[in-house]
Amino acid sequence: MAYKSLMQFVEELETNNLLIRITAPVSTELEITEIADRISKQPGGGKALLFENNGTKFPLLINALGSDNAMKLALNVSNYDDITDEIQQLFKTIAGPKNSLLEKIKTLPVLSGIAAWLPKVKSGRGVCQEVVHENPDLGILPVLKCWPFDGGKFITFPMVNTKDP
């Protein structure tokens, strides 16, 4: 099942007991990252955290894909081998030689399925353009200061995987 929105995935995490909602006030300076660090280092990667009271009007989701169970939920599989098998079958179907017209026609449903993965091109204005800030202020976002000696708050990639060299 593809999720229609991040909120739908958050609801699914909660339904599967893979989410902790944090409603207490927390600071974006060091406090949220300290909590997230402790949770994400738990066996199995810990649960996703939804900070609902972080000093901004935006909730902050952290560690949404941090556990094996959450990743499998996002990918809609019970086992990663399911994805491997699907990809292998896909390549087997489309990569082999097609000697007859019938063999070529049999690949059309597979090719149609691949085409469905591609983003849809829509004309007009997108939902993301419903609110337009003429004078944007990044200060309204829950930007984190992660470590005590950081120079300040940093906007990082939406997903960060840090590895000690």
C-alpha atoms as a PDB file:
ATOM      1  CA  MET A   1       0.000   0.000   0.000  1.00  0.00           C
ATOM      2  CA  ALA A   2       1.376   3.385  -0.940  1.00  0.00           C
ATOM      3  CA  TYR A   3       0.773   6.079   1.639  1.00  0.00           C
ATOM      4  CA  LYS A   4      -1.117   9.139   0.461  1.00  0.00           C
ATOM      5  CA  SER A   5       0.667  11.384   2.944  1.00  0.00           C
ATOM      6  CA  LEU A   6       3.253  11.400   5.686  1.00  0.00           C
ATOM      7  CA  MET A   7       0.418  11.759   8.193  1.00  0.00           C
ATOM      8  CA  GLN A   8      -1.112   8.509   6.963  1.00  0.00           C
ATOM      9  CA  PHE A   9       2.237   6.774   7.536  1.00  0.00           C
ATOM     10  CA  VAL A  10       2.463   8.339  11.024  1.00  0.00           C
ATOM     11  CA  GLU A  11      -0.996   6.939  11.804  1.00  0.00           C
ATOM     12  CA  GLU A  12       0.140   3.518  10.594  1.00  0.00           C
ATOM     13  CA  LEU A  13       3.243   3.723  12.804  1.00  0.00           C
ATOM     14  CA  GLU A  14       1.000   4.539  15.758  1.00  0.00           C
ATOM     15  CA  THR A  15      -1.421   1.713  14.958  1.00  0.00           C
ATOM     16  CA  ASN A  16       1.530  -0.703  14.946  1.00  0.00           C
ATOM     17  CA  ASN A  17       2.931   0.657  18.237  1.00  0.00           C
ATOM     18  CA  LEU A  18       6.002   2.043  16.469  1.00  0.00           C
ATOM     19  CA  LEU A  19       5.461   5.692  17.440  1.00  0.00           C
ATOM     20  CA  ILE A  20       5.806   7.714  20.613  1.00  0.00           C
ATOM     21  CA  ARG A  21       3.910  11.008  20.684  1.00  0.00           C
ATOM     22  CA  ILE A  22       5.659  13.563  22.842  1.00  0.00           C
ATOM     23  CA  THR A  23       3.239  16.279  23.902  1.00  0.00           C
ATOM     24  CA  ALA A  24       5.370  17.844  26.657  1.00  0.00           C
ATOM     25  CA  PRO A  25       7.197  21.048  25.690  1.00  0.00           C
ATOM     26  CA  VAL A  26      10.685  20.305  24.354  1.00  0.00           C
ATOM     27  CA  SER A  27      13.412  22.579  23.047  1.00  0.00           C
ATOM     28  CA  THR A  28      14.848  22.429  19.540  1.00  0.00           C
ATOM     29  CA  GLU A  29      18.199  23.325  21.122  1.00  0.00           C
ATOM     30  CA  LEU A  30      19.848  20.044  22.153  1.00  0.00           C
ATOM     31  CA  GLU A  31      16.833  18.554  23.968  1.00  0.00           C
ATOM     32  CA  ILE A  32      15.033  16.938  21.019  1.00  0.00           C
ATOM     33  CA  THR A  33      18.252  15.507  19.605  1.00  0.00           C
ATOM     34  CA  GLU A  34      19.222  14.118  23.026  1.00  0.00           C
ATOM     35  CA  ILE A  35      15.892  12.301  23.288  1.00  0.00           C
ATOM     36  CA  ALA A  36      16.116  11.093  19.687  1.00  0.00           C
ATOM     37  CA  ASP A  37      19.699   9.902  20.197  1.00  0.00           C
ATOM     38  CA  ARG A  38      18.730   7.787  23.209  1.00  0.00           C
ATOM     39  CA  ILE A  39      15.689   6.274  21.513  1.00  0.00           C
ATOM     40  CA  SER A  40      17.378   5.539  18.181  1.00  0.00           C
ATOM     41  CA  LYS A  41      20.242   3.719  19.927  1.00  0.00           C
ATOM     42  CA  GLN A  42      17.870   1.256  21.580  1.00  0.00           C
ATOM     43  CA  PRO A  43      17.959  -2.336  20.338  1.00  0.00           C
ATOM     44  CA  GLY A  44      16.157  -2.582  17.027  1.00  0.00           C
ATOM     45  CA  GLY A  45      16.477   1.139  16.317  1.00  0.00           C
ATOM     46  CA  GLY A  46      13.783   2.368  18.699  1.00  0.00           C
ATOM     47  CA  LYS A  47      10.430   3.901  17.885  1.00  0.00           C
ATOM     48  CA  ALA A  48       9.592   6.926  15.782  1.00  0.00           C
ATOM     49  CA  LEU A  49       9.137  10.123  17.786  1.00  0.00           C
ATOM     50  CA  LEU A  50       6.556  12.803  17.069  1.00  0.00           C
ATOM     51  CA  PHE A  51       7.313  16.012  18.972  1.00  0.00           C
ATOM     52  CA  GLU A  52       4.057  17.939  18.985  1.00  0.00           C
ATOM     53  CA  ASN A  53       5.077  20.823  21.267  1.00  0.00           C
ATOM     54  CA  ASN A  54       8.477  22.043  20.085  1.00  0.00           C
ATOM     55  CA  GLY A  55       7.957  25.791  20.190  1.00  0.00           C
ATOM     56  CA  THR A  56       6.703  25.997  16.597  1.00  0.00           C
ATOM     57  CA  LYS A  57       3.364  25.284  14.980  1.00  0.00           C
ATOM     58  CA  PHE A  58       4.901  22.335  13.117  1.00  0.00           C
ATOM     59  CA  PRO A  59       5.153  18.857  14.636  1.00  0.00           C
ATOM     60  CA  LEU A  60       8.556  17.213  14.239  1.00  0.00           C
ATOM     61  CA  LEU A  61       8.906  13.538  13.270  1.00  0.00           C
ATOM     62  CA  ILE A  62      12.214  11.821  13.996  1.00  0.00           C
ATOM     63  CA  ASN A  63      13.392   8.221  13.508  1.00  0.00           C
ATOM     64  CA  ALA A  64      10.392   7.360  11.337  1.00  0.00           C
ATOM     65  CA  LEU A  65      12.417   4.732   9.445  1.00  0.00           C
ATOM     66  CA  GLY A  66      14.831   3.927  12.261  1.00  0.00           C
ATOM     67  CA  SER A  67      13.676   0.396  12.993  1.00  0.00           C
ATOM     68  CA  ASP A  68      13.406  -2.683  10.846  1.00  0.00           C
ATOM     69  CA  ASN A  69       9.675  -2.898  11.531  1.00  0.00           C
ATOM     70  CA  ALA A  70       9.068   0.724  10.537  1.00  0.00           C
ATOM     71  CA  MET A  71      11.066   0.296   7.325  1.00  0.00           C
ATOM     72  CA  LYS A  72       9.128  -2.847   6.413  1.00  0.00           C
ATOM     73  CA  LEU A  73       5.888  -1.013   7.153  1.00  0.00           C
ATOM     74  CA  ALA A  74       6.959   1.832   4.856  1.00  0.00           C
ATOM     75  CA  LEU A  75       7.857  -0.625   2.093  1.00  0.00           C
ATOM     76  CA  ASN A  76       4.735  -2.735   2.719  1.00  0.00           C
ATOM     77  CA  VAL A  77       6.682  -5.985   3.081  1.00  0.00           C
ATOM     78  CA  SER A  78       7.073  -8.514   5.857  1.00  0.00           C
ATOM     79  CA  ASN A  79      10.516  -9.540   4.638  1.00  0.00           C
ATOM     80  CA  TYR A  80      13.121  -7.631   2.613  1.00  0.00           C
ATOM     81  CA  ASP A  81      13.549 -10.709   0.431  1.00  0.00           C
ATOM     82  CA  ASP A  82      10.051 -10.010  -0.918  1.00  0.00           C
ATOM     83  CA  ILE A  83      11.438  -6.897  -2.610  1.00  0.00           C
ATOM     84  CA  THR A  84      14.455  -8.797  -3.927  1.00  0.00           C
ATOM     85  CA  ASP A  85      12.220 -11.510  -5.363  1.00  0.00           C
ATOM     86  CA  GLU A  86       9.948  -8.933  -6.987  1.00  0.00           C
ATOM     87  CA  ILE A  87      12.863  -7.106  -8.633  1.00  0.00           C
ATOM     88  CA  GLN A  88      14.448 -10.356  -9.826  1.00  0.00           C
ATOM     89  CA  GLN A  89      11.144 -11.477 -11.331  1.00  0.00           C
ATOM     90  CA  LEU A  90      10.733  -8.093 -12.968  1.00  0.00           C
ATOM     91  CA  PHE A  91      14.152  -8.268 -14.647  1.00  0.00           C
ATOM     92  CA  LYS A  92      13.593 -11.878 -15.626  1.00  0.00           C
ATOM     93  CA  THR A  93      10.347 -10.913 -17.329  1.00  0.00           C
ATOM     94  CA  ILE A  94      11.575  -7.878 -19.242  1.00  0.00           C
ATOM     95  CA  ALA A  95      15.261  -8.648 -19.835  1.00  0.00           C
ATOM     96  CA  GLY A  96      15.079 -12.024 -21.530  1.00  0.00           C
ATOM     97  CA  PRO A  97      14.928 -12.341 -25.307  1.00  0.00           C
ATOM     98  CA  LYS A  98      11.472 -12.103 -26.838  1.00  0.00           C
ATOM     99  CA  ASN A  99      11.270 -14.196 -29.981  1.00  0.00           C
ATOM    100  CA  SER A 100       7.600 -13.926 -30.771  1.00  0.00           C
ATOM    101  CA  LEU A 101       5.033 -11.179 -30.799  1.00  0.00           C
ATOM    102  CA  LEU A 102       3.081 -13.026 -28.088  1.00  0.00           C
ATOM    103  CA  GLU A 103       6.121 -13.024 -25.763  1.00  0.00           C
ATOM    104  CA  LYS A 104       6.509  -9.292 -26.318  1.00  0.00           C
ATOM    105  CA  ILE A 105       2.830  -8.666 -25.613  1.00  0.00           C
ATOM    106  CA  LYS A 106       3.103 -10.624 -22.352  1.00  0.00           C
ATOM    107  CA  THR A 107       5.602  -8.052 -21.063  1.00  0.00           C
ATOM    108  CA  LEU A 108       3.141  -5.168 -21.504  1.00  0.00           C
ATOM    109  CA  PRO A 109       1.433  -5.577 -18.089  1.00  0.00           C
ATOM    110  CA  VAL A 110       4.857  -5.568 -16.420  1.00  0.00           C
ATOM    111  CA  LEU A 111       5.902  -2.449 -18.320  1.00  0.00           C
ATOM    112  CA  SER A 112       2.586  -0.842 -17.421  1.00  0.00           C
ATOM    113  CA  GLY A 113       3.282  -1.598 -13.757  1.00  0.00           C
ATOM    114  CA  ILE A 114       6.702   0.037 -14.023  1.00  0.00           C
ATOM    115  CA  ALA A 115       5.128   3.095 -15.631  1.00  0.00           C
ATOM    116  CA  ALA A 116       2.795   3.373 -12.620  1.00  0.00           C
ATOM    117  CA  TRP A 117       5.839   3.902 -10.372  1.00  0.00           C
ATOM    118  CA  LEU A 118       6.782   7.092 -12.180  1.00  0.00           C
ATOM    119  CA  PRO A 119       5.573  10.413 -10.791  1.00  0.00           C
ATOM    120  CA  LYS A 120       2.393  11.740 -12.306  1.00  0.00           C
ATOM    121  CA  VAL A 121       2.702  15.011 -14.170  1.00  0.00           C
ATOM    122  CA  LYS A 122      -0.124  17.363 -13.310  1.00  0.00           C
ATOM    123  CA  SER A 123      -0.871  20.744 -14.719  1.00  0.00           C
ATOM    124  CA  GLY A 124      -1.903  23.734 -12.686  1.00  0.00           C
ATOM    125  CA  ARG A 125      -1.024  24.585  -9.107  1.00  0.00           C
ATOM    126  CA  GLY A 126      -0.108  21.902  -6.610  1.00  0.00           C
ATOM    127  CA  VAL A 127      -1.409  21.493  -3.076  1.00  0.00           C
ATOM    128  CA  CYS A 128       1.984  22.682  -1.827  1.00  0.00           C
ATOM    129  CA  GLN A 129       1.171  26.089  -3.305  1.00  0.00           C
ATOM    130  CA  GLU A 130      -1.965  26.639  -1.226  1.00  0.00           C
ATOM    131  CA  VAL A 131       0.067  28.673   1.257  1.00  0.00           C
ATOM    132  CA  VAL A 132       2.667  31.007  -0.177  1.00  0.00           C
ATOM    133  CA  HIS A 133       4.895  33.061   2.102  1.00  0.00           C
ATOM    134  CA  GLU A 134       5.891  36.286   0.368  1.00  0.00           C
ATOM    135  CA  ASN A 135       8.599  36.958   2.965  1.00  0.00           C
ATOM    136  CA  PRO A 136       9.667  33.489   4.110  1.00  0.00           C
ATOM    137  CA  ASP A 137      11.006  33.074   7.630  1.00  0.00           C
ATOM    138  CA  LEU A 138      12.861  29.833   8.349  1.00  0.00           C
ATOM    139  CA  GLY A 139      12.581  30.666  12.043  1.00  0.00           C
ATOM    140  CA  ILE A 140       9.034  29.294  12.041  1.00  0.00           C
ATOM    141  CA  LEU A 141      10.386  25.773  11.409  1.00  0.00           C
ATOM    142  CA  PRO A 142      11.548  23.400  14.169  1.00  0.00           C
ATOM    143  CA  VAL A 143      15.225  23.539  13.145  1.00  0.00           C
ATOM    144  CA  LEU A 144      17.486  21.648  15.541  1.00  0.00           C
ATOM    145  CA  LYS A 145      20.763  22.401  17.241  1.00  0.00           C
ATOM    146  CA  CYS A 146      22.118  18.888  17.625  1.00  0.00           C
ATOM    147  CA  TRP A 147      25.377  19.054  19.562  1.00  0.00           C
ATOM    148  CA  PRO A 148      26.654  21.424  22.275  1.00  0.00           C
ATOM    149  CA  PHE A 149      29.515  22.832  20.185  1.00  0.00           C
ATOM    150  CA  ASP A 150      27.517  23.299  16.978  1.00  0.00           C
ATOM    151  CA  GLY A 151      27.683  26.837  15.651  1.00  0.00           C
ATOM    152  CA  GLY A 152      23.912  27.065  15.755  1.00  0.00           C
ATOM    153  CA  LYS A 153      20.839  25.421  14.353  1.00  0.00           C
ATOM    154  CA  PHE A 154      21.246  23.634  11.032  1.00  0.00           C
ATOM    155  CA  ILE A 155      18.782  22.572   8.386  1.00  0.00           C
ATOM    156  CA  THR A 156      19.976  19.154   7.271  1.00  0.00           C
ATOM    157  CA  PHE A 157      18.706  16.614   4.809  1.00  0.00           C
ATOM    158  CA  PRO A 158      15.296  15.272   5.764  1.00  0.00           C
ATOM    159  CA  MET A 159      16.932  11.914   6.434  1.00  0.00           C
ATOM    160  CA  VAL A 160      20.355  11.823   7.994  1.00  0.00           C
ATOM    161  CA  ASN A 161      22.426   8.702   8.468  1.00  0.00           C
ATOM    162  CA  THR A 162      25.503   9.477  10.530  1.00  0.00           C
ATOM    163  CA  LYS A 163      28.409   7.049  10.660  1.00  0.00           C
ATOM    164  CA  ASP A 164      31.492   7.449  12.798  1.00  0.00           C
ATOM    165  CA  PRO A 165      34.520   7.367  10.453  1.00  0.00           C
END
